[in-house]
Amino acid sequence: MGMQKDLLTTIKNSWVFFGIISLFLLISGLFLIQLDQIEGHIYINQFHSDFWDRLFPYITHIGDGLTAVLIIIVLFIWKEKYGYIALFAFLITSGVTHGLKLFVFADAERPLLVLWDYFHYEGGHHVLPFESMKSDHSFPSGHTTSAMSIFCLLSLIFNKRLQWTGVLFAGLAILASFSRVYLSQHFVEDVFLGTIIGTLGTLLTYHWLNPKLNQFDNGISLKRTFDILFSLIILTLGLPFFILIALLILLTSKGGVFFKQERIGLHQQPFDLFKFRTMKPNAESKGQITVGGRDPRITKIGYFLRKFKLDEFPQLINILKGEMSVVGPRPEVRKYVELYNQEQLKVLSVKPGLTDFASIEYIDENELLGKSDDPEKTYIEEVMPAKLQLNQKYIQNQSFLLDLKLVLKTFFGIFR
């Protein structure tokens, strides 16, 4: 009973889409009943207009498999969970449709085998004689199944925030389906059956998979793939530049090239964070952790590296090790994490990153703290709470598409 109730709730939430599709099925069904009585078919080819002659050959591509694949890819990029649901729904409904075509309707043919011979854009619509049309039943429309599946899923995804999109998605699915009849590629019953397979199959797939794929809700696997590719590409392309930075550090100050410091990461696990060294040796023993403005502990080359965030690039190693991500809350030292309240500790439920909302908002943090008489106190009491709020905003809204936006905003923010 619980599962049935949840299914009914899902349908109710997308009542606009399912209502329009149900009306479409009702009208199609009434046509089929009437046609069954006269033992015939509707040949839309006989009822035409120049406008639809020009439009439907393009509209029909809405139901192409390629269109479905492109939408699935976009869903994977946006939220991986929906990408998986769309992929499974597409494979299941298409599998049923093509299975019926191969094993049940193996001898059936399309009403019109050679489509383009009968549609001439300049010469107008060529009316096909009845005797030239196939009178046998065809097979379920794959275009209809594909369009109904994809747009049904989109309606299920957007129903809570944008209920009106049900009209748009249902309209596109119906246009793609009806185009197959108008273009004499399928009979009405083929579209009728394709509509049922596409919508019902997708609804059941969504109802079954949605709660099982919550671990993919924020594009975790895709995020890790992006982290690895991004890090490898930047490290490879930037290697000559990083060698130059290393030489400048060695030539302008005593000490090593890299700075290593313990930070607190995912699930409060400590890890060693890497940076290009921008401060004099043993600088932390000479003052507070927080750095602001023209701190005398910073080396000459260090000011330049900090200004353009170039000191952060060694953290690509942390990303490859799986300790960090490209986008995520900036990791803090244990001293500051111990000041978090229970709500603020939630930022440790995701991997720390190179950038996020807080990094962009406080991109000039060093200059801001440099104006304070007590930079560390200002950081703890004012900056850190504000940054943690922005971190929580990222966690609540994270997606692969958002990550891409934040990477671009960070880049333009640094060089603005």
Foldseek 3Di string as FASTA:
>chain_A
DVLVVVLVVLCVLLVLLVVLLVVVLVVLVVQVVVCVVVLFFDQLLQPDDLVCLVVLVPLLCCLPPVVLVVVLVVCLLFFVLLSVLSVVLLCQLLVVQVVCCVPVVVPAAFQADDQPVQRDNVVHGRRDDPVSTDGDAHGADSSLLRLLQRLLSVSSVCSVPCSVCSVVSSVSSVSNLVSCSNSRRHTSVNNSVSNCSNNVSSSVSCSVRVVVVPVRGQSVVVQLVCLLVVLVVCCVVCVVVLVVQQVVVVVQADDHQKDWDWFQAAPRDIDIAIWGDFFHPPVCVVDPPDAADPPVRGTPVSVVCLLLVVRRSVNSVVSNVVQAGADAAATDHPVLVVVDDPVLCCSNNDGHHPWFPLCLVCVVVRHVLNVDPHSVVCCNPPSVVVSSVRRVVCVVNHHSVRSVVGVVSSNVSSVD
